[in-house]
Amino acid sequence: MRPGGMLVQKRSDNSQVIAPPNLRIRVAYGAARYQISANSQSTFGELKKLLVTETGLEPGEQLLVFRGKERENGEYLDTCGVKDRSKVILIEDPESKERRLIEIRRNAKIQAIHRLIDDDTEVDRLAEQVCMIEKSIANGNKVAEVQITTLIEMLMRQAVKLDSIPAEGDACAAKKDSEESNGKERVEAVVVSTKWETFESSPAVLTQWELFD
């Protein structure tokens, strides 16, 4: 009894606090459907954290809509009227989506630049081999046909790779055109040298000429 004559029931120490129920929340994200179990007294911000594993979207990239209204992170599920098996719509934040696309394009450009650098190094290496073959032919030395054929195939392969790289901007386009032009010129030089060397040193042609006389 409290002072003043008011009777107050004493709470038992063994009394148990009833935990709030868990809700099965249906989440629609585009064509995908998810069912998330969450405490009824959770916030929409906490619900977003549970959706990260399912959708791959970080909480800051998510917009949750319930009953036609976007919900703030601090709003509670039960306060907003979310019941068991209620439906919540998930939308990717447009600004986050745009940032994601920009990041994807930026990474693609970086990869293309790395490929251009690698191809440019390979073209320079092949150009050195072309120069060595040209010097050997100019000095009257014979070069194995298989060596020249292999070098031509490698140069042609580099030209195909350069054609397949999506270049953006005038600088990239100019660099690509320059490398393709140099590669083709080197290929033509090797082919011309190879044909000339074969004509001069072919014993089969000389034999047929002597028989004709």
N, C-alpha and C. Protein backbone atom coordinates (compact mmCIF):
# COMPACT_ATOMS: atom_id res chain seq x y z
N MET A 1 0.85 -1.19 0.00
CA MET A 1 0.00 0.00 0.00
C MET A 1 0.89 1.25 0.00
N ARG A 2 0.59 2.12 -0.96
CA ARG A 2 1.34 3.37 -1.04
C ARG A 2 0.76 4.37 -0.04
N PRO A 3 1.53 5.41 0.33
CA PRO A 3 0.98 6.46 1.20
C PRO A 3 -0.26 7.07 0.59
N GLY A 4 -1.27 7.27 1.36
CA GLY A 4 -2.53 7.81 0.84
C GLY A 4 -3.60 6.77 0.72
N GLY A 5 -3.27 5.49 1.04
CA GLY A 5 -4.27 4.45 1.02
C GLY A 5 -4.48 3.77 -0.31
N MET A 6 -3.63 4.07 -1.37
CA MET A 6 -3.82 3.44 -2.68
C MET A 6 -3.21 2.04 -2.65
N LEU A 7 -4.01 1.09 -3.10
CA LEU A 7 -3.52 -0.28 -3.19
C LEU A 7 -2.84 -0.50 -4.52
N VAL A 8 -1.64 -1.02 -4.48
CA VAL A 8 -0.86 -1.29 -5.70
C VAL A 8 -0.46 -2.73 -5.69
N GLN A 9 -0.72 -3.41 -6.82
CA GLN A 9 -0.33 -4.82 -6.92
C GLN A 9 1.16 -4.91 -7.13
N LYS A 10 1.78 -5.72 -6.34
CA LYS A 10 3.22 -5.90 -6.43
C LYS A 10 3.53 -6.82 -7.60
N ARG A 11 4.48 -6.36 -8.48
CA ARG A 11 4.86 -7.17 -9.63
C ARG A 11 5.80 -8.28 -9.17
N SER A 12 5.52 -9.44 -9.60
CA SER A 12 6.36 -10.58 -9.24
C SER A 12 7.68 -10.52 -9.96
N ASP A 13 8.74 -10.92 -9.27
CA ASP A 13 10.07 -10.94 -9.90
C ASP A 13 10.15 -11.98 -11.00
N ASN A 14 9.25 -12.96 -10.99
CA ASN A 14 9.29 -14.03 -11.97
C ASN A 14 8.48 -13.71 -13.23
N SER A 15 7.86 -12.51 -13.24
CA SER A 15 7.05 -12.16 -14.41
C SER A 15 7.94 -12.06 -15.64
N GLN A 16 7.45 -12.52 -16.79
CA GLN A 16 8.22 -12.52 -18.03
C GLN A 16 7.72 -11.41 -18.95
N VAL A 17 8.67 -10.77 -19.58
CA VAL A 17 8.34 -9.73 -20.55
C VAL A 17 8.02 -10.40 -21.88
N ILE A 18 6.88 -10.11 -22.45
CA ILE A 18 6.47 -10.73 -23.72
C ILE A 18 7.23 -10.06 -24.86
N ALA A 19 7.95 -10.86 -25.61
CA ALA A 19 8.72 -10.34 -26.73
C ALA A 19 7.80 -10.00 -27.89
N PRO A 20 8.10 -8.95 -28.61
CA PRO A 20 7.26 -8.59 -29.77
C PRO A 20 7.36 -9.70 -30.83
N PRO A 21 6.29 -9.92 -31.55
CA PRO A 21 6.28 -11.02 -32.54
C PRO A 21 7.16 -10.70 -33.75
N ASN A 22 7.63 -11.78 -34.37
CA ASN A 22 8.34 -11.63 -35.64
C ASN A 22 7.34 -11.62 -36.78
N LEU A 23 7.62 -10.80 -37.77
CA LEU A 23 6.75 -10.66 -38.93
C LEU A 23 7.40 -11.28 -40.16
N ARG A 24 6.61 -11.93 -40.97
CA ARG A 24 7.08 -12.41 -42.26
C ARG A 24 6.71 -11.35 -43.30
N ILE A 25 7.72 -10.62 -43.74
CA ILE A 25 7.48 -9.50 -44.64
C ILE A 25 7.84 -9.90 -46.06
N ARG A 26 6.91 -9.71 -46.96
CA ARG A 26 7.14 -10.00 -48.37
C ARG A 26 7.71 -8.75 -49.04
N VAL A 27 8.85 -8.93 -49.70
CA VAL A 27 9.54 -7.80 -50.34
C VAL A 27 9.59 -8.06 -51.84
N ALA A 28 9.13 -7.08 -52.60
CA ALA A 28 9.17 -7.16 -54.07
C ALA A 28 10.26 -6.22 -54.58
N TYR A 29 11.19 -6.79 -55.33
CA TYR A 29 12.28 -6.00 -55.92
C TYR A 29 12.34 -6.34 -57.41
N GLY A 30 11.66 -5.53 -58.22
CA GLY A 30 11.56 -5.84 -59.63
C GLY A 30 10.76 -7.12 -59.81
N ALA A 31 11.33 -8.08 -60.55
CA ALA A 31 10.67 -9.37 -60.73
C ALA A 31 10.98 -10.35 -59.61
N ALA A 32 11.92 -9.99 -58.74
CA ALA A 32 12.32 -10.88 -57.64
C ALA A 32 11.38 -10.71 -56.45
N ARG A 33 11.21 -11.80 -55.71
CA ARG A 33 10.38 -11.79 -54.51
C ARG A 33 11.17 -12.41 -53.35
N TYR A 34 11.11 -11.76 -52.19
CA TYR A 34 11.81 -12.24 -51.00
C TYR A 34 10.85 -12.24 -49.82
N GLN A 35 11.13 -13.11 -48.86
CA GLN A 35 10.39 -13.10 -47.59
C GLN A 35 11.39 -12.94 -46.46
N ILE A 36 11.26 -11.87 -45.72
CA ILE A 36 12.19 -11.52 -44.66
C ILE A 36 11.48 -11.60 -43.32
N SER A 37 12.14 -12.23 -42.35
CA SER A 37 11.61 -12.29 -40.99
C SER A 37 12.23 -11.16 -40.18
N ALA A 38 11.37 -10.31 -39.61
CA ALA A 38 11.85 -9.16 -38.85
C ALA A 38 10.95 -8.93 -37.64
N ASN A 39 11.54 -8.37 -36.61
CA ASN A 39 10.80 -8.01 -35.40
C ASN A 39 9.81 -6.89 -35.73
N SER A 40 8.62 -6.98 -35.14
CA SER A 40 7.60 -5.98 -35.44
C SER A 40 8.01 -4.58 -34.99
N GLN A 41 8.92 -4.50 -34.01
CA GLN A 41 9.37 -3.21 -33.51
C GLN A 41 10.68 -2.76 -34.15
N SER A 42 11.06 -3.44 -35.23
CA SER A 42 12.25 -3.03 -35.97
C SER A 42 11.92 -1.80 -36.80
N THR A 43 12.96 -1.12 -37.23
CA THR A 43 12.78 0.04 -38.10
C THR A 43 12.99 -0.37 -39.56
N PHE A 44 12.58 0.50 -40.45
CA PHE A 44 12.80 0.23 -41.87
C PHE A 44 14.30 0.24 -42.20
N GLY A 45 15.06 1.00 -41.43
CA GLY A 45 16.52 1.00 -41.62
C GLY A 45 17.11 -0.37 -41.28
N GLU A 46 16.59 -1.00 -40.23
CA GLU A 46 17.05 -2.34 -39.87
C GLU A 46 16.59 -3.38 -40.90
N LEU A 47 15.42 -3.16 -41.47
CA LEU A 47 14.94 -4.06 -42.52
C LEU A 47 15.85 -3.98 -43.75
N LYS A 48 16.34 -2.79 -44.06
CA LYS A 48 17.26 -2.63 -45.19
C LYS A 48 18.53 -3.45 -44.98
N LYS A 49 19.02 -3.48 -43.74
CA LYS A 49 20.23 -4.25 -43.46
C LYS A 49 20.00 -5.74 -43.70
N LEU A 50 18.79 -6.21 -43.39
CA LEU A 50 18.48 -7.62 -43.63
C LEU A 50 18.39 -7.94 -45.12
N LEU A 51 18.09 -6.92 -45.93
CA LEU A 51 17.94 -7.12 -47.37
C LEU A 51 19.25 -7.07 -48.13
N VAL A 52 20.32 -6.67 -47.47
CA VAL A 52 21.62 -6.56 -48.15
C VAL A 52 22.06 -7.91 -48.69
N THR A 53 21.95 -8.95 -47.86
CA THR A 53 22.39 -10.28 -48.28
C THR A 53 21.57 -10.80 -49.44
N GLU A 54 20.27 -10.52 -49.43
CA GLU A 54 19.38 -11.04 -50.46
C GLU A 54 19.54 -10.30 -51.79
N THR A 55 19.69 -8.99 -51.74
CA THR A 55 19.65 -8.18 -52.97
C THR A 55 21.02 -7.70 -53.43
N GLY A 56 22.00 -7.66 -52.52
CA GLY A 56 23.30 -7.12 -52.89
C GLY A 56 23.35 -5.61 -52.85
N LEU A 57 22.25 -4.97 -52.48
CA LEU A 57 22.21 -3.51 -52.38
C LEU A 57 22.51 -3.08 -50.95
N GLU A 58 23.38 -2.11 -50.81
CA GLU A 58 23.67 -1.55 -49.50
C GLU A 58 22.47 -0.73 -49.00
N PRO A 59 22.34 -0.56 -47.67
CA PRO A 59 21.19 0.20 -47.15
C PRO A 59 21.02 1.57 -47.80
N GLY A 60 22.13 2.25 -48.07
CA GLY A 60 22.03 3.57 -48.69
C GLY A 60 21.57 3.55 -50.13
N GLU A 61 21.55 2.37 -50.75
CA GLU A 61 21.11 2.24 -52.14
C GLU A 61 19.65 1.78 -52.24
N GLN A 62 18.99 1.61 -51.09
CA GLN A 62 17.63 1.07 -51.06
C GLN A 62 16.59 2.15 -50.73
N LEU A 63 15.47 2.04 -51.40
CA LEU A 63 14.29 2.83 -51.05
C LEU A 63 13.16 1.83 -50.77
N LEU A 64 12.53 1.91 -49.59
CA LEU A 64 11.45 1.01 -49.21
C LEU A 64 10.13 1.77 -49.24
N VAL A 65 9.18 1.19 -49.96
CA VAL A 65 7.86 1.81 -50.11
C VAL A 65 6.82 0.90 -49.49
N PHE A 66 6.00 1.44 -48.58
CA PHE A 66 4.91 0.68 -47.95
C PHE A 66 3.64 1.52 -47.99
N ARG A 67 2.59 0.92 -48.53
CA ARG A 67 1.31 1.61 -48.69
C ARG A 67 1.45 2.89 -49.49
N GLY A 68 2.26 2.79 -50.56
CA GLY A 68 2.40 3.91 -51.49
C GLY A 68 3.25 5.05 -51.02
N LYS A 69 3.96 4.87 -49.93
CA LYS A 69 4.77 5.96 -49.37
C LYS A 69 6.17 5.45 -49.06
N GLU A 70 7.17 6.25 -49.45
CA GLU A 70 8.55 5.90 -49.11
C GLU A 70 8.75 6.08 -47.60
N ARG A 71 9.36 5.07 -46.98
CA ARG A 71 9.53 5.09 -45.53
C ARG A 71 10.96 5.48 -45.15
N GLU A 72 11.06 6.27 -44.09
CA GLU A 72 12.36 6.70 -43.60
C GLU A 72 13.00 5.60 -42.76
N ASN A 73 14.31 5.67 -42.61
CA ASN A 73 15.04 4.64 -41.86
C ASN A 73 14.59 4.54 -40.40
N GLY A 74 14.20 5.65 -39.81
CA GLY A 74 13.85 5.65 -38.39
C GLY A 74 12.42 5.26 -38.09
N GLU A 75 11.60 5.04 -39.09
CA GLU A 75 10.20 4.67 -38.85
C GLU A 75 10.10 3.20 -38.44
N TYR A 76 9.22 2.91 -37.49
CA TYR A 76 9.04 1.55 -37.00
C TYR A 76 7.99 0.81 -37.83
N LEU A 77 8.21 -0.49 -37.96
CA LEU A 77 7.31 -1.30 -38.78
C LEU A 77 5.90 -1.31 -38.22
N ASP A 78 5.78 -1.61 -36.91
CA ASP A 78 4.43 -1.71 -36.33
C ASP A 78 3.72 -0.37 -36.32
N THR A 79 4.45 0.72 -36.12
CA THR A 79 3.84 2.05 -36.11
C THR A 79 3.25 2.40 -37.47
N CYS A 80 3.93 1.95 -38.52
CA CYS A 80 3.46 2.24 -39.88
C CYS A 80 2.38 1.26 -40.34
N GLY A 81 2.04 0.27 -39.49
CA GLY A 81 0.98 -0.65 -39.83
C GLY A 81 1.42 -1.91 -40.55
N VAL A 82 2.71 -2.23 -40.49
CA VAL A 82 3.19 -3.46 -41.12
C VAL A 82 2.73 -4.66 -40.30
N LYS A 83 2.04 -5.59 -40.96
CA LYS A 83 1.55 -6.79 -40.31
C LYS A 83 2.30 -8.01 -40.85
N ASP A 84 1.94 -9.17 -40.32
CA ASP A 84 2.51 -10.41 -40.83
C ASP A 84 2.09 -10.59 -42.29
N ARG A 85 3.07 -10.88 -43.15
CA ARG A 85 2.88 -11.09 -44.59
C ARG A 85 2.49 -9.81 -45.32
N SER A 86 2.79 -8.67 -44.73
CA SER A 86 2.60 -7.41 -45.45
C SER A 86 3.62 -7.32 -46.59
N LYS A 87 3.27 -6.55 -47.60
CA LYS A 87 4.13 -6.42 -48.77
C LYS A 87 4.83 -5.07 -48.76
N VAL A 88 6.15 -5.11 -48.96
CA VAL A 88 6.97 -3.90 -49.04
C VAL A 88 7.68 -3.91 -50.39
N ILE A 89 7.71 -2.79 -51.04
CA ILE A 89 8.35 -2.67 -52.35
C ILE A 89 9.74 -2.05 -52.18
N LEU A 90 10.72 -2.72 -52.77
CA LEU A 90 12.11 -2.22 -52.73
C LEU A 90 12.47 -1.64 -54.09
N ILE A 91 12.99 -0.43 -54.07
CA ILE A 91 13.44 0.26 -55.29
C ILE A 91 14.89 0.69 -55.08
N GLU A 92 15.70 0.47 -56.12
CA GLU A 92 17.09 0.95 -56.04
C GLU A 92 17.11 2.46 -56.20
N ASP A 93 17.82 3.12 -55.33
CA ASP A 93 17.92 4.57 -55.37
C ASP A 93 18.48 5.02 -56.72
N PRO A 94 17.77 5.89 -57.47
CA PRO A 94 18.23 6.30 -58.81
C PRO A 94 19.63 6.90 -58.80
N GLU A 95 19.94 7.71 -57.80
CA GLU A 95 21.27 8.31 -57.75
C GLU A 95 22.34 7.25 -57.53
N SER A 96 22.05 6.28 -56.67
CA SER A 96 23.00 5.19 -56.44
C SER A 96 23.17 4.34 -57.69
N LYS A 97 22.06 4.13 -58.41
CA LYS A 97 22.12 3.36 -59.65
C LYS A 97 22.99 4.07 -60.68
N GLU A 98 22.84 5.38 -60.77
CA GLU A 98 23.65 6.16 -61.72
C GLU A 98 25.12 6.10 -61.34
N ARG A 99 25.41 6.20 -60.04
CA ARG A 99 26.80 6.10 -59.59
C ARG A 99 27.38 4.73 -59.91
N ARG A 100 26.54 3.69 -59.76
CA ARG A 100 27.00 2.33 -60.07
C ARG A 100 27.35 2.19 -61.56
N LEU A 101 26.48 2.76 -62.43
CA LEU A 101 26.74 2.69 -63.87
C LEU A 101 28.01 3.46 -64.24
N ILE A 102 28.20 4.62 -63.61
CA ILE A 102 29.41 5.40 -63.87
C ILE A 102 30.64 4.63 -63.44
N GLU A 103 30.56 3.94 -62.30
CA GLU A 103 31.68 3.15 -61.81
C GLU A 103 31.98 1.98 -62.75
N ILE A 104 30.93 1.36 -63.27
CA ILE A 104 31.13 0.25 -64.22
C ILE A 104 31.81 0.74 -65.48
N ARG A 105 31.34 1.88 -66.01
CA ARG A 105 31.96 2.44 -67.22
C ARG A 105 33.41 2.85 -66.96
N ARG A 106 33.67 3.41 -65.80
CA ARG A 106 35.03 3.83 -65.47
C ARG A 106 35.97 2.62 -65.40
N ASN A 107 35.50 1.54 -64.76
CA ASN A 107 36.32 0.32 -64.66
C ASN A 107 36.56 -0.27 -66.05
N ALA A 108 35.54 -0.20 -66.92
CA ALA A 108 35.70 -0.73 -68.28
C ALA A 108 36.75 0.07 -69.04
N LYS A 109 36.75 1.40 -68.86
CA LYS A 109 37.75 2.23 -69.53
C LYS A 109 39.15 1.91 -69.02
N ILE A 110 39.28 1.72 -67.70
CA ILE A 110 40.59 1.40 -67.13
C ILE A 110 41.11 0.08 -67.69
N GLN A 111 40.23 -0.92 -67.78
CA GLN A 111 40.64 -2.21 -68.33
C GLN A 111 41.04 -2.08 -69.79
N ALA A 112 40.30 -1.25 -70.55
CA ALA A 112 40.64 -1.05 -71.96
C ALA A 112 42.00 -0.37 -72.10
N ILE A 113 42.28 0.59 -71.22
CA ILE A 113 43.58 1.27 -71.27
C ILE A 113 44.71 0.30 -70.96
N HIS A 114 44.51 -0.56 -69.96
CA HIS A 114 45.53 -1.55 -69.63
C HIS A 114 45.77 -2.50 -70.81
N ARG A 115 44.69 -2.87 -71.49
CA ARG A 115 44.83 -3.75 -72.65
C ARG A 115 45.59 -3.06 -73.77
N LEU A 116 45.30 -1.75 -73.96
CA LEU A 116 46.02 -0.99 -74.99
C LEU A 116 47.51 -0.91 -74.68
N ILE A 117 47.82 -0.71 -73.39
CA ILE A 117 49.23 -0.62 -72.99
C ILE A 117 49.93 -1.96 -73.23
N ASP A 118 49.27 -3.04 -72.85
CA ASP A 118 49.86 -4.36 -73.05
C ASP A 118 50.05 -4.66 -74.53
N ASP A 119 49.04 -4.30 -75.34
CA ASP A 119 49.13 -4.54 -76.79
C ASP A 119 50.22 -3.68 -77.42
N ASP A 120 50.34 -2.44 -76.93
CA ASP A 120 51.36 -1.54 -77.47
C ASP A 120 52.75 -2.11 -77.19
N THR A 121 52.94 -2.66 -75.98
CA THR A 121 54.24 -3.27 -75.64
C THR A 121 54.52 -4.47 -76.52
N GLU A 122 53.50 -5.27 -76.78
CA GLU A 122 53.66 -6.45 -77.63
C GLU A 122 53.98 -6.05 -79.06
N VAL A 123 53.33 -4.98 -79.57
CA VAL A 123 53.60 -4.49 -80.93
C VAL A 123 55.05 -4.01 -81.05
N ASP A 124 55.53 -3.31 -80.01
CA ASP A 124 56.92 -2.85 -80.03
C ASP A 124 57.90 -4.03 -80.06
N ARG A 125 57.56 -5.07 -79.30
CA ARG A 125 58.43 -6.25 -79.28
C ARG A 125 58.46 -6.93 -80.66
N LEU A 126 57.31 -7.02 -81.28
CA LEU A 126 57.24 -7.62 -82.61
C LEU A 126 57.94 -6.74 -83.65
N ALA A 127 57.85 -5.41 -83.46
CA ALA A 127 58.52 -4.49 -84.39
C ALA A 127 60.03 -4.69 -84.34
N GLU A 128 60.57 -4.94 -83.16
CA GLU A 128 62.01 -5.21 -83.06
C GLU A 128 62.39 -6.47 -83.83
N GLN A 129 61.53 -7.48 -83.76
CA GLN A 129 61.81 -8.71 -84.50
C GLN A 129 61.74 -8.46 -86.01
N VAL A 130 60.80 -7.60 -86.45
CA VAL A 130 60.70 -7.26 -87.87
C VAL A 130 61.98 -6.57 -88.34
N CYS A 131 62.46 -5.63 -87.52
CA CYS A 131 63.70 -4.91 -87.88
C CYS A 131 64.88 -5.88 -87.98
N MET A 132 64.96 -6.81 -87.08
CA MET A 132 66.05 -7.79 -87.10
C MET A 132 65.98 -8.64 -88.37
N ILE A 133 64.78 -9.05 -88.78
CA ILE A 133 64.63 -9.85 -90.00
C ILE A 133 64.99 -9.02 -91.22
N GLU A 134 64.56 -7.77 -91.25
CA GLU A 134 64.88 -6.91 -92.39
C GLU A 134 66.39 -6.70 -92.52
N LYS A 135 67.08 -6.53 -91.38
CA LYS A 135 68.54 -6.36 -91.42
C LYS A 135 69.21 -7.63 -91.91
N SER A 136 68.69 -8.76 -91.48
CA SER A 136 69.29 -10.03 -91.92
C SER A 136 69.14 -10.20 -93.42
N ILE A 137 67.95 -9.88 -93.95
CA ILE A 137 67.72 -10.00 -95.40
C ILE A 137 68.58 -9.00 -96.15
N ALA A 138 68.70 -7.76 -95.63
CA ALA A 138 69.52 -6.74 -96.30
C ALA A 138 70.99 -7.14 -96.35
N ASN A 139 71.46 -7.89 -95.36
CA ASN A 139 72.86 -8.35 -95.33
C ASN A 139 73.07 -9.62 -96.13
N GLY A 140 72.01 -10.09 -96.79
CA GLY A 140 72.15 -11.27 -97.62
C GLY A 140 71.97 -12.58 -96.88
N ASN A 141 71.54 -12.52 -95.64
CA ASN A 141 71.32 -13.74 -94.87
C ASN A 141 69.93 -14.30 -95.14
N LYS A 142 69.82 -15.59 -95.08
CA LYS A 142 68.53 -16.24 -95.27
C LYS A 142 67.80 -16.34 -93.93
N VAL A 143 66.52 -16.16 -94.01
CA VAL A 143 65.67 -16.25 -92.82
C VAL A 143 64.69 -17.40 -93.03
N ALA A 144 64.55 -18.23 -92.01
CA ALA A 144 63.66 -19.38 -92.12
C ALA A 144 62.23 -18.91 -92.39
N GLU A 145 61.59 -19.56 -93.34
CA GLU A 145 60.23 -19.17 -93.70
C GLU A 145 59.26 -19.31 -92.53
N VAL A 146 59.45 -20.35 -91.70
CA VAL A 146 58.56 -20.55 -90.56
C VAL A 146 58.66 -19.40 -89.57
N GLN A 147 59.85 -18.80 -89.44
CA GLN A 147 60.02 -17.67 -88.54
C GLN A 147 59.24 -16.46 -89.03
N ILE A 148 59.30 -16.22 -90.34
CA ILE A 148 58.57 -15.09 -90.91
C ILE A 148 57.07 -15.32 -90.83
N THR A 149 56.64 -16.54 -91.15
CA THR A 149 55.20 -16.85 -91.09
C THR A 149 54.66 -16.68 -89.68
N THR A 150 55.41 -17.14 -88.70
CA THR A 150 54.97 -17.01 -87.31
C THR A 150 54.86 -15.54 -86.90
N LEU A 151 55.83 -14.73 -87.32
CA LEU A 151 55.82 -13.32 -86.99
C LEU A 151 54.62 -12.61 -87.63
N ILE A 152 54.31 -12.98 -88.89
CA ILE A 152 53.16 -12.38 -89.57
C ILE A 152 51.88 -12.73 -88.83
N GLU A 153 51.75 -13.99 -88.42
CA GLU A 153 50.54 -14.40 -87.70
C GLU A 153 50.39 -13.64 -86.38
N MET A 154 51.51 -13.42 -85.69
CA MET A 154 51.45 -12.70 -84.43
C MET A 154 51.06 -11.24 -84.64
N LEU A 155 51.57 -10.63 -85.73
CA LEU A 155 51.20 -9.25 -86.02
C LEU A 155 49.72 -9.14 -86.40
N MET A 156 49.24 -10.09 -87.19
CA MET A 156 47.83 -10.08 -87.57
C MET A 156 46.95 -10.28 -86.35
N ARG A 157 47.40 -11.12 -85.41
CA ARG A 157 46.63 -11.36 -84.19
C ARG A 157 46.52 -10.06 -83.37
N GLN A 158 47.62 -9.30 -83.32
CA GLN A 158 47.59 -8.03 -82.59
C GLN A 158 46.64 -7.04 -83.26
N ALA A 159 46.60 -7.05 -84.61
CA ALA A 159 45.70 -6.16 -85.32
C ALA A 159 44.24 -6.50 -85.01
N VAL A 160 43.93 -7.77 -84.92
CA VAL A 160 42.57 -8.20 -84.57
C VAL A 160 42.22 -7.76 -83.16
N LYS A 161 43.17 -7.89 -82.22
CA LYS A 161 42.93 -7.49 -80.85
C LYS A 161 42.67 -5.99 -80.75
N LEU A 162 43.42 -5.20 -81.53
CA LEU A 162 43.22 -3.76 -81.51
C LEU A 162 41.84 -3.40 -82.05
N ASP A 163 41.37 -4.13 -83.06
CA ASP A 163 40.03 -3.87 -83.60
C ASP A 163 38.94 -4.17 -82.58
N SER A 164 39.20 -5.13 -81.68
CA SER A 164 38.18 -5.56 -80.73
C SER A 164 38.11 -4.68 -79.50
N ILE A 165 39.07 -3.79 -79.28
CA ILE A 165 39.09 -2.92 -78.09
C ILE A 165 38.22 -1.70 -78.34
N PRO A 166 37.17 -1.48 -77.51
CA PRO A 166 36.32 -0.30 -77.68
C PRO A 166 37.01 0.96 -77.21
N ALA A 167 37.45 1.79 -78.14
CA ALA A 167 38.15 3.03 -77.77
C ALA A 167 37.16 4.17 -77.70
N GLU A 168 37.32 5.05 -76.70
CA GLU A 168 36.46 6.22 -76.55
C GLU A 168 37.33 7.47 -76.51
N GLY A 169 36.87 8.49 -77.23
CA GLY A 169 37.62 9.73 -77.24
C GLY A 169 38.57 9.80 -78.41
N ASP A 170 38.94 11.05 -78.81
CA ASP A 170 39.82 11.24 -79.96
C ASP A 170 41.20 10.67 -79.72
N ALA A 171 41.71 10.79 -78.50
CA ALA A 171 43.06 10.32 -78.21
C ALA A 171 43.14 8.81 -78.37
N CYS A 172 42.17 8.11 -77.81
CA CYS A 172 42.18 6.65 -77.91
C CYS A 172 42.02 6.21 -79.35
N ALA A 173 41.14 6.91 -80.09
CA ALA A 173 40.93 6.53 -81.48
C ALA A 173 42.18 6.76 -82.30
N ALA A 174 42.86 7.89 -82.06
CA ALA A 174 44.09 8.17 -82.80
C ALA A 174 45.17 7.15 -82.47
N LYS A 175 45.28 6.80 -81.20
CA LYS A 175 46.27 5.81 -80.79
C LYS A 175 46.00 4.47 -81.44
N LYS A 176 44.71 4.08 -81.49
CA LYS A 176 44.34 2.80 -82.08
C LYS A 176 44.65 2.81 -83.57
N ASP A 177 44.28 3.91 -84.29
CA ASP A 177 44.55 3.98 -85.72
C ASP A 177 46.05 3.93 -86.01
N SER A 178 46.85 4.61 -85.17
CA SER A 178 48.29 4.61 -85.37
C SER A 178 48.88 3.23 -85.20
N GLU A 179 48.43 2.51 -84.15
CA GLU A 179 48.97 1.18 -83.90
C GLU A 179 48.56 0.21 -85.00
N GLU A 180 47.30 0.32 -85.48
CA GLU A 180 46.87 -0.57 -86.55
C GLU A 180 47.64 -0.29 -87.83
N SER A 181 47.86 1.02 -88.13
CA SER A 181 48.60 1.38 -89.34
C SER A 181 50.03 0.86 -89.29
N ASN A 182 50.68 1.06 -88.12
CA ASN A 182 52.06 0.58 -87.97
C ASN A 182 52.14 -0.93 -88.10
N GLY A 183 51.17 -1.61 -87.49
CA GLY A 183 51.18 -3.06 -87.56
C GLY A 183 51.03 -3.56 -88.97
N LYS A 184 50.11 -2.93 -89.75
CA LYS A 184 49.90 -3.35 -91.13
C LYS A 184 51.12 -3.04 -92.00
N GLU A 185 51.74 -1.88 -91.76
CA GLU A 185 52.94 -1.55 -92.53
C GLU A 185 54.06 -2.55 -92.26
N ARG A 186 54.20 -2.95 -90.99
CA ARG A 186 55.24 -3.91 -90.65
C ARG A 186 54.95 -5.27 -91.29
N VAL A 187 53.68 -5.65 -91.31
CA VAL A 187 53.32 -6.91 -91.93
C VAL A 187 53.64 -6.87 -93.42
N GLU A 188 53.27 -5.76 -94.10
CA GLU A 188 53.54 -5.65 -95.53
C GLU A 188 55.03 -5.68 -95.81
N ALA A 189 55.83 -5.04 -94.94
CA ALA A 189 57.28 -5.03 -95.14
C ALA A 189 57.84 -6.44 -95.04
N VAL A 190 57.38 -7.19 -94.07
CA VAL A 190 57.87 -8.56 -93.91
C VAL A 190 57.44 -9.41 -95.09
N VAL A 191 56.20 -9.24 -95.55
CA VAL A 191 55.71 -10.04 -96.68
C VAL A 191 56.50 -9.75 -97.93
N VAL A 192 56.75 -8.45 -98.21
CA VAL A 192 57.52 -8.08 -99.40
C VAL A 192 58.93 -8.66 -99.33
N SER A 193 59.55 -8.53 -98.17
CA SER A 193 60.90 -9.06 -98.01
C SER A 193 60.91 -10.57 -98.19
N THR A 194 59.91 -11.22 -97.68
CA THR A 194 59.85 -12.67 -97.79
C THR A 194 59.70 -13.11 -99.24
N LYS A 195 58.83 -12.43 -100.01
CA LYS A 195 58.65 -12.80 -101.41
C LYS A 195 59.91 -12.55 -102.22
N TRP A 196 60.59 -11.45 -101.93
CA TRP A 196 61.81 -11.12 -102.68
C TRP A 196 62.90 -12.14 -102.41
N GLU A 197 63.05 -12.52 -101.15
CA GLU A 197 64.06 -13.49 -100.78
C GLU A 197 63.76 -14.84 -101.40
N THR A 198 62.50 -15.23 -101.44
CA THR A 198 62.12 -16.52 -102.01
C THR A 198 62.39 -16.54 -103.51
N PHE A 199 62.16 -15.42 -104.20
CA PHE A 199 62.39 -15.36 -105.63
C PHE A 199 63.86 -15.51 -105.97
N GLU A 200 64.74 -14.87 -105.21
CA GLU A 200 66.16 -14.87 -105.50
C GLU A 200 66.80 -16.22 -105.21
N SER A 201 66.30 -16.93 -104.19
CA SER A 201 67.02 -18.11 -103.74
C SER A 201 66.33 -19.41 -104.06
N SER A 202 65.27 -19.42 -104.92
CA SER A 202 64.53 -20.64 -105.18
C SER A 202 65.21 -21.45 -106.27
N PRO A 203 65.82 -22.60 -105.97
CA PRO A 203 66.50 -23.42 -106.97
C PRO A 203 65.52 -24.03 -107.94
N ALA A 204 64.25 -24.22 -107.55
CA ALA A 204 63.27 -24.85 -108.43
C ALA A 204 63.00 -23.97 -109.64
N VAL A 205 62.94 -22.65 -109.46
CA VAL A 205 62.69 -21.73 -110.55
C VAL A 205 63.86 -21.72 -111.53
N LEU A 206 65.12 -21.74 -111.04
CA LEU A 206 66.29 -21.75 -111.90
C LEU A 206 66.36 -23.04 -112.72
N THR A 207 66.00 -24.13 -112.12
CA THR A 207 66.04 -25.41 -112.83
C THR A 207 65.05 -25.41 -113.99
N GLN A 208 63.84 -24.90 -113.76
CA GLN A 208 62.86 -24.87 -114.84
C GLN A 208 63.29 -23.92 -115.96
N TRP A 209 63.98 -22.83 -115.63
CA TRP A 209 64.44 -21.88 -116.65
C TRP A 209 65.50 -22.52 -117.52
N GLU A 210 66.42 -23.28 -116.92
CA GLU A 210 67.48 -23.96 -117.70
C GLU A 210 66.87 -25.01 -118.63
N LEU A 211 65.89 -25.77 -118.18
CA LEU A 211 65.26 -26.77 -119.02
C LEU A 211 64.53 -26.12 -120.17
N PHE A 212 63.96 -24.95 -119.99
CA PHE A 212 63.24 -24.25 -121.03
C PHE A 212 64.18 -23.83 -122.15
N ASP A 213 65.43 -23.33 -121.74
CA ASP A 213 66.42 -22.95 -122.76
C ASP A 213 66.88 -24.17 -123.54
